[in-house]
Amino acid sequence: MRAKRISGIIIVIIGISLILSSFYIKSRVRSGRQEISEAQSTVNKGKKLFSVTPITKDVGDVLTGSAQKKINEASGMADSYAVLATWFQIGGAVFIVLGAVLIFIGRKK
C-alpha cells in the first residue's frame, strides 16, 4: 500500500511539472509570435516600399526574401512548440488524475 501511495505522489509531481512547463512554453511562444509579428510588419513595409515599379519589386523581393524565409521558419517552429505545450497540459492532467487515484487506493483502510 505504501508503494502505491509514494508512486502516486511522484506521478502527481510529474504531472504538475508538466503543466508548469507547458505554461512556460506557451509564454515563450506568445513572446516569439509577437516578435514574428513585428518582423513581418517590417518586411511588409519593405515590400510595400519596393513595390512601386516591376524593377524595384524584384529588388525588394531579393532584399526581403531571406527575412521572409526566416519568419516562415520561426512561425513553423512556434506552431510546433504550441502543440508540444498542449500535449504537456494533457499529459500533466492525466498524470495528476492517475497519481490521485494511486494515492487514494494506497490509503490505509
PDB file of N, CA and C in Angstrom:
ATOM      1  N   MET A   1       0.816  -1.201   0.000  1.00  0.00           N
ATOM      2  CA  MET A   1       0.000   0.000   0.000  1.00  0.00           C
ATOM      3  C   MET A   1       0.858   1.263   0.000  1.00  0.00           C
ATOM      4  N   ARG A   2       1.926   1.241   0.764  1.00  0.00           N
ATOM      5  CA  ARG A   2       2.778   2.416   0.855  1.00  0.00           C
ATOM      6  C   ARG A   2       3.450   2.745  -0.479  1.00  0.00           C
ATOM      7  N   ALA A   3       3.828   1.701  -1.215  1.00  0.00           N
ATOM      8  CA  ALA A   3       4.492   1.908  -2.509  1.00  0.00           C
ATOM      9  C   ALA A   3       3.545   2.582  -3.496  1.00  0.00           C
ATOM     10  N   LYS A   4       2.254   2.196  -3.468  1.00  0.00           N
ATOM     11  CA  LYS A   4       1.277   2.825  -4.355  1.00  0.00           C
ATOM     12  C   LYS A   4       1.128   4.300  -4.019  1.00  0.00           C
ATOM     13  N   ARG A   5       1.117   4.598  -2.751  1.00  0.00           N
ATOM     14  CA  ARG A   5       0.940   5.990  -2.325  1.00  0.00           C
ATOM     15  C   ARG A   5       2.143   6.838  -2.735  1.00  0.00           C
ATOM     16  N   ILE A   6       3.339   6.305  -2.532  1.00  0.00           N
ATOM     17  CA  ILE A   6       4.554   7.033  -2.919  1.00  0.00           C
ATOM     18  C   ILE A   6       4.596   7.203  -4.434  1.00  0.00           C
ATOM     19  N   SER A   7       4.250   6.149  -5.164  1.00  0.00           N
ATOM     20  CA  SER A   7       4.201   6.247  -6.622  1.00  0.00           C
ATOM     21  C   SER A   7       3.187   7.298  -7.054  1.00  0.00           C
ATOM     22  N   GLY A   8       2.054   7.343  -6.402  1.00  0.00           N
ATOM     23  CA  GLY A   8       1.022   8.333  -6.706  1.00  0.00           C
ATOM     24  C   GLY A   8       1.511   9.747  -6.497  1.00  0.00           C
ATOM     25  N   ILE A   9       2.216   9.968  -5.413  1.00  0.00           N
ATOM     26  CA  ILE A   9       2.754  11.307  -5.127  1.00  0.00           C
ATOM     27  C   ILE A   9       3.768  11.708  -6.188  1.00  0.00           C
ATOM     28  N   ILE A  10       4.629  10.767  -6.557  1.00  0.00           N
ATOM     29  CA  ILE A  10       5.634  11.056  -7.592  1.00  0.00           C
ATOM     30  C   ILE A  10       4.950  11.362  -8.926  1.00  0.00           C
ATOM     31  N   ILE A  11       3.925  10.603  -9.274  1.00  0.00           N
ATOM     32  CA  ILE A  11       3.214  10.829 -10.537  1.00  0.00           C
ATOM     33  C   ILE A  11       2.506  12.180 -10.516  1.00  0.00           C
ATOM     34  N   VAL A  12       1.920  12.558  -9.387  1.00  0.00           N
ATOM     35  CA  VAL A  12       1.277  13.871  -9.282  1.00  0.00           C
ATOM     36  C   VAL A  12       2.314  14.981  -9.464  1.00  0.00           C
ATOM     37  N   ILE A  13       3.481  14.815  -8.859  1.00  0.00           N
ATOM     38  CA  ILE A  13       4.539  15.818  -9.004  1.00  0.00           C
ATOM     39  C   ILE A  13       4.984  15.925 -10.460  1.00  0.00           C
ATOM     40  N   ILE A  14       5.101  14.804 -11.143  1.00  0.00           N
ATOM     41  CA  ILE A  14       5.455  14.835 -12.566  1.00  0.00           C
ATOM     42  C   ILE A  14       4.368  15.556 -13.359  1.00  0.00           C
ATOM     43  N   GLY A  15       3.104  15.283 -13.048  1.00  0.00           N
ATOM     44  CA  GLY A  15       2.002  15.948 -13.742  1.00  0.00           C
ATOM     45  C   GLY A  15       2.013  17.451 -13.535  1.00  0.00           C
ATOM     46  N   ILE A  16       2.266  17.870 -12.302  1.00  0.00           N
ATOM     47  CA  ILE A  16       2.331  19.310 -12.015  1.00  0.00           C
ATOM     48  C   ILE A  16       3.488  19.946 -12.763  1.00  0.00           C
ATOM     49  N   SER A  17       4.633  19.256 -12.804  1.00  0.00           N
ATOM     50  CA  SER A  17       5.785  19.828 -13.519  1.00  0.00           C
ATOM     51  C   SER A  17       5.512  19.912 -15.020  1.00  0.00           C
ATOM     52  N   LEU A  18       4.783  18.960 -15.573  1.00  0.00           N
ATOM     53  CA  LEU A  18       4.427  19.033 -16.990  1.00  0.00           C
ATOM     54  C   LEU A  18       3.525  20.233 -17.263  1.00  0.00           C
ATOM     55  N   ILE A  19       2.554  20.456 -16.402  1.00  0.00           N
ATOM     56  CA  ILE A  19       1.651  21.593 -16.598  1.00  0.00           C
ATOM     57  C   ILE A  19       2.402  22.909 -16.449  1.00  0.00           C
ATOM     58  N   LEU A  20       3.270  23.008 -15.451  1.00  0.00           N
ATOM     59  CA  LEU A  20       4.049  24.233 -15.283  1.00  0.00           C
ATOM     60  C   LEU A  20       4.979  24.461 -16.477  1.00  0.00           C
ATOM     61  N   SER A  21       5.556  23.390 -17.000  1.00  0.00           N
ATOM     62  CA  SER A  21       6.404  23.513 -18.187  1.00  0.00           C
ATOM     63  C   SER A  21       5.599  23.995 -19.387  1.00  0.00           C
ATOM     64  N   SER A  22       4.377  23.513 -19.501  1.00  0.00           N
ATOM     65  CA  SER A  22       3.541  23.943 -20.625  1.00  0.00           C
ATOM     66  C   SER A  22       3.204  25.424 -20.523  1.00  0.00           C
ATOM     67  N   PHE A  23       2.990  25.916 -19.302  1.00  0.00           N
ATOM     68  CA  PHE A  23       2.734  27.348 -19.134  1.00  0.00           C
ATOM     69  C   PHE A  23       3.943  28.170 -19.556  1.00  0.00           C
ATOM     70  N   TYR A  24       5.132  27.704 -19.196  1.00  0.00           N
ATOM     71  CA  TYR A  24       6.350  28.411 -19.584  1.00  0.00           C
ATOM     72  C   TYR A  24       6.520  28.397 -21.107  1.00  0.00           C
ATOM     73  N   ILE A  25       6.303  27.233 -21.716  1.00  0.00           N
ATOM     74  CA  ILE A  25       6.439  27.130 -23.172  1.00  0.00           C
ATOM     75  C   ILE A  25       5.444  28.048 -23.862  1.00  0.00           C
ATOM     76  N   LYS A  26       4.207  28.061 -23.387  1.00  0.00           N
ATOM     77  CA  LYS A  26       3.194  28.919 -24.008  1.00  0.00           C
ATOM     78  C   LYS A  26       3.548  30.397 -23.877  1.00  0.00           C
ATOM     79  N   SER A  27       4.130  30.795 -22.743  1.00  0.00           N
ATOM     80  CA  SER A  27       4.516  32.205 -22.600  1.00  0.00           C
ATOM     81  C   SER A  27       5.648  32.556 -23.567  1.00  0.00           C
ATOM     82  N   ARG A  28       6.583  31.641 -23.745  1.00  0.00           N
ATOM     83  CA  ARG A  28       7.674  31.885 -24.693  1.00  0.00           C
ATOM     84  C   ARG A  28       7.151  31.907 -26.139  1.00  0.00           C
ATOM     85  N   VAL A  29       6.186  31.059 -26.442  1.00  0.00           N
ATOM     86  CA  VAL A  29       5.593  31.049 -27.783  1.00  0.00           C
ATOM     87  C   VAL A  29       4.874  32.369 -28.035  1.00  0.00           C
ATOM     88  N   ARG A  30       4.166  32.858 -27.010  1.00  0.00           N
ATOM     89  CA  ARG A  30       3.468  34.141 -27.155  1.00  0.00           C
ATOM     90  C   ARG A  30       4.441  35.269 -27.448  1.00  0.00           C
ATOM     91  N   SER A  31       5.537  35.326 -26.699  1.00  0.00           N
ATOM     92  CA  SER A  31       6.515  36.392 -26.946  1.00  0.00           C
ATOM     93  C   SER A  31       7.199  36.205 -28.304  1.00  0.00           C
ATOM     94  N   GLY A  32       7.432  34.959 -28.696  1.00  0.00           N
ATOM     95  CA  GLY A  32       8.024  34.702 -30.010  1.00  0.00           C
ATOM     96  C   GLY A  32       7.094  35.110 -31.141  1.00  0.00           C
ATOM     97  N   ARG A  33       5.814  34.833 -30.981  1.00  0.00           N
ATOM     98  CA  ARG A  33       4.850  35.239 -32.005  1.00  0.00           C
ATOM     99  C   ARG A  33       4.754  36.758 -32.113  1.00  0.00           C
ATOM    100  N   GLN A  34       4.923  37.438 -30.998  1.00  0.00           N
ATOM    101  CA  GLN A  34       4.916  38.901 -31.034  1.00  0.00           C
ATOM    102  C   GLN A  34       6.122  39.404 -31.822  1.00  0.00           C
ATOM    103  N   GLU A  35       7.288  38.816 -31.593  1.00  0.00           N
ATOM    104  CA  GLU A  35       8.474  39.196 -32.346  1.00  0.00           C
ATOM    105  C   GLU A  35       8.306  38.877 -33.830  1.00  0.00           C
ATOM    106  N   ILE A  36       7.692  37.736 -34.129  1.00  0.00           N
ATOM    107  CA  ILE A  36       7.440  37.363 -35.522  1.00  0.00           C
ATOM    108  C   ILE A  36       6.518  38.383 -36.180  1.00  0.00           C
ATOM    109  N   SER A  37       5.498  38.798 -35.450  1.00  0.00           N
ATOM    110  CA  SER A  37       4.554  39.782 -35.989  1.00  0.00           C
ATOM    111  C   SER A  37       5.248  41.110 -36.285  1.00  0.00           C
ATOM    112  N   GLU A  38       6.117  41.542 -35.368  1.00  0.00           N
ATOM    113  CA  GLU A  38       6.856  42.785 -35.592  1.00  0.00           C
ATOM    114  C   GLU A  38       7.782  42.672 -36.804  1.00  0.00           C
ATOM    115  N   ALA A  39       8.457  41.533 -36.918  1.00  0.00           N
ATOM    116  CA  ALA A  39       9.351  41.332 -38.062  1.00  0.00           C
ATOM    117  C   ALA A  39       8.553  41.274 -39.367  1.00  0.00           C
ATOM    118  N   GLN A  40       7.389  40.633 -39.327  1.00  0.00           N
ATOM    119  CA  GLN A  40       6.565  40.545 -40.534  1.00  0.00           C
ATOM    120  C   GLN A  40       6.083  41.926 -40.968  1.00  0.00           C
ATOM    121  N   SER A  41       5.733  42.777 -40.010  1.00  0.00           N
ATOM    122  CA  SER A  41       5.293  44.126 -40.389  1.00  0.00           C
ATOM    123  C   SER A  41       6.448  44.926 -40.996  1.00  0.00           C
ATOM    124  N   THR A  42       7.653  44.724 -40.494  1.00  0.00           N
ATOM    125  CA  THR A  42       8.817  45.401 -41.067  1.00  0.00           C
ATOM    126  C   THR A  42       9.072  44.914 -42.497  1.00  0.00           C
ATOM    127  N   VAL A  43       8.974  43.621 -42.716  1.00  0.00           N
ATOM    128  CA  VAL A  43       9.167  43.072 -44.063  1.00  0.00           C
ATOM    129  C   VAL A  43       8.071  43.579 -44.998  1.00  0.00           C
ATOM    130  N   ASN A  44       6.849  43.643 -44.500  1.00  0.00           N
ATOM    131  CA  ASN A  44       5.749  44.140 -45.344  1.00  0.00           C
ATOM    132  C   ASN A  44       5.960  45.602 -45.737  1.00  0.00           C
ATOM    133  N   LYS A  45       6.499  46.401 -44.799  1.00  0.00           N
ATOM    134  CA  LYS A  45       6.808  47.791 -45.127  1.00  0.00           C
ATOM    135  C   LYS A  45       7.870  47.859 -46.220  1.00  0.00           C
ATOM    136  N   GLY A  46       8.885  46.997 -46.105  1.00  0.00           N
ATOM    137  CA  GLY A  46       9.931  46.958 -47.126  1.00  0.00           C
ATOM    138  C   GLY A  46       9.386  46.537 -48.478  1.00  0.00           C
ATOM    139  N   LYS A  47       8.516  45.530 -48.479  1.00  0.00           N
ATOM    140  CA  LYS A  47       7.920  45.089 -49.745  1.00  0.00           C
ATOM    141  C   LYS A  47       7.061  46.193 -50.348  1.00  0.00           C
ATOM    142  N   LYS A  48       6.331  46.888 -49.499  1.00  0.00           N
ATOM    143  CA  LYS A  48       5.469  47.973 -49.984  1.00  0.00           C
ATOM    144  C   LYS A  48       6.315  49.108 -50.553  1.00  0.00           C
ATOM    145  N   LEU A  49       7.422  49.402 -49.911  1.00  0.00           N
ATOM    146  CA  LEU A  49       8.309  50.466 -50.354  1.00  0.00           C
ATOM    147  C   LEU A  49       8.890  50.146 -51.734  1.00  0.00           C
ATOM    148  N   PHE A  50       9.237  48.875 -51.947  1.00  0.00           N
ATOM    149  CA  PHE A  50       9.868  48.480 -53.205  1.00  0.00           C
ATOM    150  C   PHE A  50       8.882  48.018 -54.273  1.00  0.00           C
ATOM    151  N   SER A  51       7.594  48.072 -54.009  1.00  0.00           N
ATOM    152  CA  SER A  51       6.633  47.553 -54.988  1.00  0.00           C
ATOM    153  C   SER A  51       6.088  48.629 -55.917  1.00  0.00           C
ATOM    154  N   VAL A  52       6.788  49.736 -56.061  1.00  0.00           N
ATOM    155  CA  VAL A  52       6.313  50.838 -56.901  1.00  0.00           C
ATOM    156  C   VAL A  52       6.375  50.469 -58.377  1.00  0.00           C
ATOM    157  N   THR A  53       7.473  49.911 -58.801  1.00  0.00           N
ATOM    158  CA  THR A  53       7.625  49.516 -60.204  1.00  0.00           C
ATOM    159  C   THR A  53       8.032  48.036 -60.265  1.00  0.00           C
ATOM    160  N   PRO A  54       7.883  47.409 -61.416  1.00  0.00           N
ATOM    161  CA  PRO A  54       8.274  45.996 -61.525  1.00  0.00           C
ATOM    162  C   PRO A  54       9.761  45.761 -61.237  1.00  0.00           C
ATOM    163  N   ILE A  55      10.596  46.700 -61.610  1.00  0.00           N
ATOM    164  CA  ILE A  55      12.040  46.541 -61.373  1.00  0.00           C
ATOM    165  C   ILE A  55      12.341  46.603 -59.877  1.00  0.00           C
ATOM    166  N   THR A  56      11.776  47.602 -59.206  1.00  0.00           N
ATOM    167  CA  THR A  56      12.039  47.714 -57.761  1.00  0.00           C
ATOM    168  C   THR A  56      11.351  46.589 -56.992  1.00  0.00           C
ATOM    169  N   LYS A  57      10.284  46.042 -57.548  1.00  0.00           N
ATOM    170  CA  LYS A  57       9.622  44.915 -56.891  1.00  0.00           C
ATOM    171  C   LYS A  57      10.551  43.713 -56.844  1.00  0.00           C
ATOM    172  N   ASP A  58      11.260  43.461 -57.941  1.00  0.00           N
ATOM    173  CA  ASP A  58      12.226  42.359 -57.962  1.00  0.00           C
ATOM    174  C   ASP A  58      13.347  42.596 -56.956  1.00  0.00           C
ATOM    175  N   VAL A  59      13.823  43.833 -56.881  1.00  0.00           N
ATOM    176  CA  VAL A  59      14.869  44.178 -55.908  1.00  0.00           C
ATOM    177  C   VAL A  59      14.345  43.972 -54.487  1.00  0.00           C
ATOM    178  N   GLY A  60      13.109  44.404 -54.239  1.00  0.00           N
ATOM    179  CA  GLY A  60      12.508  44.237 -52.912  1.00  0.00           C
ATOM    180  C   GLY A  60      12.340  42.776 -52.537  1.00  0.00           C
ATOM    181  N   ASP A  61      11.972  41.941 -53.516  1.00  0.00           N
ATOM    182  CA  ASP A  61      11.844  40.510 -53.242  1.00  0.00           C
ATOM    183  C   ASP A  61      13.185  39.895 -52.869  1.00  0.00           C
ATOM    184  N   VAL A  62      14.246  40.339 -53.528  1.00  0.00           N
ATOM    185  CA  VAL A  62      15.582  39.829 -53.215  1.00  0.00           C
ATOM    186  C   VAL A  62      16.001  40.277 -51.814  1.00  0.00           C
ATOM    187  N   LEU A  63      15.746  41.541 -51.502  1.00  0.00           N
ATOM    188  CA  LEU A  63      16.159  42.070 -50.200  1.00  0.00           C
ATOM    189  C   LEU A  63      15.364  41.477 -49.035  1.00  0.00           C
ATOM    190  N   THR A  64      14.090  41.247 -49.233  1.00  0.00           N
ATOM    191  CA  THR A  64      13.253  40.756 -48.129  1.00  0.00           C
ATOM    192  C   THR A  64      13.048  39.247 -48.157  1.00  0.00           C
ATOM    193  N   GLY A  65      13.546  38.578 -49.183  1.00  0.00           N
ATOM    194  CA  GLY A  65      13.328  37.137 -49.322  1.00  0.00           C
ATOM    195  C   GLY A  65      13.904  36.319 -48.182  1.00  0.00           C
ATOM    196  N   SER A  66      15.143  36.612 -47.793  1.00  0.00           N
ATOM    197  CA  SER A  66      15.764  35.826 -46.725  1.00  0.00           C
ATOM    198  C   SER A  66      15.090  36.095 -45.381  1.00  0.00           C
ATOM    199  N   ALA A  67      14.687  37.339 -45.151  1.00  0.00           N
ATOM    200  CA  ALA A  67      13.987  37.655 -43.901  1.00  0.00           C
ATOM    201  C   ALA A  67      12.637  36.956 -43.860  1.00  0.00           C
ATOM    202  N   GLN A  68      11.941  36.922 -44.984  1.00  0.00           N
ATOM    203  CA  GLN A  68      10.641  36.248 -45.041  1.00  0.00           C
ATOM    204  C   GLN A  68      10.801  34.751 -44.802  1.00  0.00           C
ATOM    205  N   LYS A  69      11.877  34.187 -45.329  1.00  0.00           N
ATOM    206  CA  LYS A  69      12.139  32.756 -45.121  1.00  0.00           C
ATOM    207  C   LYS A  69      12.367  32.461 -43.639  1.00  0.00           C
ATOM    208  N   LYS A  70      13.139  33.309 -42.967  1.00  0.00           N
ATOM    209  CA  LYS A  70      13.378  33.126 -41.533  1.00  0.00           C
ATOM    210  C   LYS A  70      12.093  33.308 -40.731  1.00  0.00           C
ATOM    211  N   ILE A  71      11.261  34.246 -41.128  1.00  0.00           N
ATOM    212  CA  ILE A  71       9.983  34.463 -40.438  1.00  0.00           C
ATOM    213  C   ILE A  71       9.095  33.232 -40.588  1.00  0.00           C
ATOM    214  N   ASN A  72       9.050  32.668 -41.790  1.00  0.00           N
ATOM    215  CA  ASN A  72       8.239  31.471 -42.015  1.00  0.00           C
ATOM    216  C   ASN A  72       8.737  30.283 -41.193  1.00  0.00           C
ATOM    217  N   GLU A  73      10.067  30.127 -41.099  1.00  0.00           N
ATOM    218  CA  GLU A  73      10.642  29.051 -40.290  1.00  0.00           C
ATOM    219  C   GLU A  73      10.310  29.249 -38.815  1.00  0.00           C
ATOM    220  N   ALA A  74      10.441  30.484 -38.339  1.00  0.00           N
ATOM    221  CA  ALA A  74      10.146  30.769 -36.931  1.00  0.00           C
ATOM    222  C   ALA A  74       8.667  30.545 -36.623  1.00  0.00           C
ATOM    223  N   SER A  75       7.811  30.878 -37.553  1.00  0.00           N
ATOM    224  CA  SER A  75       6.385  30.661 -37.362  1.00  0.00           C
ATOM    225  C   SER A  75       6.068  29.168 -37.263  1.00  0.00           C
ATOM    226  N   GLY A  76       6.692  28.377 -38.102  1.00  0.00           N
ATOM    227  CA  GLY A  76       6.510  26.925 -38.036  1.00  0.00           C
ATOM    228  C   GLY A  76       7.021  26.341 -36.733  1.00  0.00           C
ATOM    229  N   MET A  77       8.159  26.860 -36.268  1.00  0.00           N
ATOM    230  CA  MET A  77       8.714  26.383 -35.007  1.00  0.00           C
ATOM    231  C   MET A  77       7.799  26.762 -33.837  1.00  0.00           C
ATOM    232  N   ALA A  78       7.244  27.968 -33.872  1.00  0.00           N
ATOM    233  CA  ALA A  78       6.322  28.397 -32.820  1.00  0.00           C
ATOM    234  C   ALA A  78       5.086  27.505 -32.805  1.00  0.00           C
ATOM    235  N   ASP A  79       4.615  27.123 -33.990  1.00  0.00           N
ATOM    236  CA  ASP A  79       3.459  26.221 -34.063  1.00  0.00           C
ATOM    237  C   ASP A  79       3.768  24.874 -33.420  1.00  0.00           C
ATOM    238  N   SER A  80       4.952  24.341 -33.698  1.00  0.00           N
ATOM    239  CA  SER A  80       5.305  23.032 -33.137  1.00  0.00           C
ATOM    240  C   SER A  80       5.449  23.103 -31.615  1.00  0.00           C
ATOM    241  N   TYR A  81       5.997  24.203 -31.095  1.00  0.00           N
ATOM    242  CA  TYR A  81       6.097  24.344 -29.642  1.00  0.00           C
ATOM    243  C   TYR A  81       4.731  24.540 -28.995  1.00  0.00           C
ATOM    244  N   ALA A  82       3.815  25.192 -29.684  1.00  0.00           N
ATOM    245  CA  ALA A  82       2.459  25.357 -29.148  1.00  0.00           C
ATOM    246  C   ALA A  82       1.765  24.005 -29.035  1.00  0.00           C
ATOM    247  N   VAL A  83       1.976  23.151 -30.027  1.00  0.00           N
ATOM    248  CA  VAL A  83       1.403  21.800 -29.971  1.00  0.00           C
ATOM    249  C   VAL A  83       2.033  21.011 -28.828  1.00  0.00           C
ATOM    250  N   LEU A  84       3.342  21.131 -28.671  1.00  0.00           N
ATOM    251  CA  LEU A  84       4.036  20.454 -27.571  1.00  0.00           C
ATOM    252  C   LEU A  84       3.484  20.900 -26.227  1.00  0.00           C
ATOM    253  N   ALA A  85       3.254  22.190 -26.057  1.00  0.00           N
ATOM    254  CA  ALA A  85       2.717  22.702 -24.796  1.00  0.00           C
ATOM    255  C   ALA A  85       1.323  22.146 -24.527  1.00  0.00           C
ATOM    256  N   THR A  86       0.521  22.026 -25.570  1.00  0.00           N
ATOM    257  CA  THR A  86      -0.812  21.459 -25.403  1.00  0.00           C
ATOM    258  C   THR A  86      -0.731  20.004 -24.945  1.00  0.00           C
ATOM    259  N   TRP A  87       0.166  19.239 -25.544  1.00  0.00           N
ATOM    260  CA  TRP A  87       0.328  17.848 -25.132  1.00  0.00           C
ATOM    261  C   TRP A  87       0.869  17.751 -23.706  1.00  0.00           C
ATOM    262  N   PHE A  88       1.734  18.669 -23.315  1.00  0.00           N
ATOM    263  CA  PHE A  88       2.213  18.693 -21.935  1.00  0.00           C
ATOM    264  C   PHE A  88       1.055  18.925 -20.967  1.00  0.00           C
ATOM    265  N   GLN A  89       0.139  19.821 -21.320  1.00  0.00           N
ATOM    266  CA  GLN A  89      -1.010  20.070 -20.453  1.00  0.00           C
ATOM    267  C   GLN A  89      -1.893  18.833 -20.352  1.00  0.00           C
ATOM    268  N   ILE A  90      -2.145  18.190 -21.480  1.00  0.00           N
ATOM    269  CA  ILE A  90      -2.975  16.980 -21.465  1.00  0.00           C
ATOM    270  C   ILE A  90      -2.299  15.882 -20.649  1.00  0.00           C
ATOM    271  N   GLY A  91      -1.026  15.667 -20.917  1.00  0.00           N
ATOM    272  CA  GLY A  91      -0.279  14.651 -20.175  1.00  0.00           C
ATOM    273  C   GLY A  91      -0.194  14.956 -18.690  1.00  0.00           C
ATOM    274  N   GLY A  92       0.008  16.221 -18.362  1.00  0.00           N
ATOM    275  CA  GLY A  92       0.064  16.608 -16.954  1.00  0.00           C
ATOM    276  C   GLY A  92      -1.242  16.345 -16.240  1.00  0.00           C
ATOM    277  N   ALA A  93      -2.355  16.647 -16.904  1.00  0.00           N
ATOM    278  CA  ALA A  93      -3.665  16.396 -16.285  1.00  0.00           C
ATOM    279  C   ALA A  93      -3.884  14.899 -16.080  1.00  0.00           C
ATOM    280  N   VAL A  94      -3.490  14.106 -17.067  1.00  0.00           N
ATOM    281  CA  VAL A  94      -3.640  12.649 -16.943  1.00  0.00           C
ATOM    282  C   VAL A  94      -2.777  12.127 -15.795  1.00  0.00           C
ATOM    283  N   PHE A  95      -1.554  12.597 -15.695  1.00  0.00           N
ATOM    284  CA  PHE A  95      -0.670  12.159 -14.621  1.00  0.00           C
ATOM    285  C   PHE A  95      -1.221  12.557 -13.250  1.00  0.00           C
ATOM    286  N   ILE A  96      -1.771  13.745 -13.147  1.00  0.00           N
ATOM    287  CA  ILE A  96      -2.325  14.177 -11.862  1.00  0.00           C
ATOM    288  C   ILE A  96      -3.499  13.282 -11.463  1.00  0.00           C
ATOM    289  N   VAL A  97      -4.362  12.981 -12.413  1.00  0.00           N
ATOM    290  CA  VAL A  97      -5.505  12.108 -12.105  1.00  0.00           C
ATOM    291  C   VAL A  97      -5.030  10.713 -11.730  1.00  0.00           C
ATOM    292  N   LEU A  98      -4.102  10.152 -12.496  1.00  0.00           N
ATOM    293  CA  LEU A  98      -3.582   8.821 -12.171  1.00  0.00           C
ATOM    294  C   LEU A  98      -2.895   8.798 -10.810  1.00  0.00           C
ATOM    295  N   GLY A  99      -2.121   9.832 -10.534  1.00  0.00           N
ATOM    296  CA  GLY A  99      -1.456   9.902  -9.236  1.00  0.00           C
ATOM    297  C   GLY A  99      -2.450  10.018  -8.094  1.00  0.00           C
ATOM    298  N   ALA A 100      -3.496  10.812  -8.295  1.00  0.00           N
ATOM    299  CA  ALA A 100      -4.517  10.947  -7.247  1.00  0.00           C
ATOM    300  C   ALA A 100      -5.226   9.619  -7.007  1.00  0.00           C
ATOM    301  N   VAL A 101      -5.483   8.886  -8.087  1.00  0.00           N
ATOM    302  CA  VAL A 101      -6.112   7.572  -7.936  1.00  0.00           C
ATOM    303  C   VAL A 101      -5.198   6.641  -7.156  1.00  0.00           C
ATOM    304  N   LEU A 102      -3.913   6.643  -7.468  1.00  0.00           N
ATOM    305  CA  LEU A 102      -2.970   5.791  -6.738  1.00  0.00           C
ATOM    306  C   LEU A 102      -2.870   6.196  -5.268  1.00  0.00           C
ATOM    307  N   ILE A 103      -2.893   7.490  -5.012  1.00  0.00           N
ATOM    308  CA  ILE A 103      -2.849   7.943  -3.617  1.00  0.00           C
ATOM    309  C   ILE A 103      -4.104   7.479  -2.888  1.00  0.00           C
ATOM    310  N   PHE A 104      -5.245   7.593  -3.526  1.00  0.00           N
ATOM    311  CA  PHE A 104      -6.497   7.197  -2.902  1.00  0.00           C
ATOM    312  C   PHE A 104      -6.535   5.678  -2.669  1.00  0.00           C
ATOM    313  N   ILE A 105      -6.064   4.896  -3.636  1.00  0.00           N
ATOM    314  CA  ILE A 105      -6.048   3.426  -3.482  1.00  0.00           C
ATOM    315  C   ILE A 105      -5.044   3.027  -2.415  1.00  0.00           C
ATOM    316  N   GLY A 106      -3.945   3.754  -2.305  1.00  0.00           N
ATOM    317  CA  GLY A 106      -2.894   3.407  -1.374  1.00  0.00           C
ATOM    318  C   GLY A 106      -3.164   3.781   0.069  1.00  0.00           C
ATOM    319  N   ARG A 107      -4.273   4.436   0.336  1.00  0.00           N
ATOM    320  CA  ARG A 107      -4.576   4.809   1.723  1.00  0.00           C
ATOM    321  C   ARG A 107      -4.854   3.569   2.565  1.00  0.00           C
ATOM    322  N   LYS A 108      -4.578   3.704   3.846  1.00  0.00           N
ATOM    323  CA  LYS A 108      -4.897   2.599   4.756  1.00  0.00           C
ATOM    324  C   LYS A 108      -6.382   2.575   5.011  1.00  0.00           C
ATOM    325  N   LYS A 109      -6.904   1.385   5.105  1.00  0.00           N
ATOM    326  CA  LYS A 109      -8.358   1.247   5.313  1.00  0.00           C
ATOM    327  C   LYS A 109      -8.688   0.983   6.745  1.00  0.00           C
TER     328      LYS A 109
END
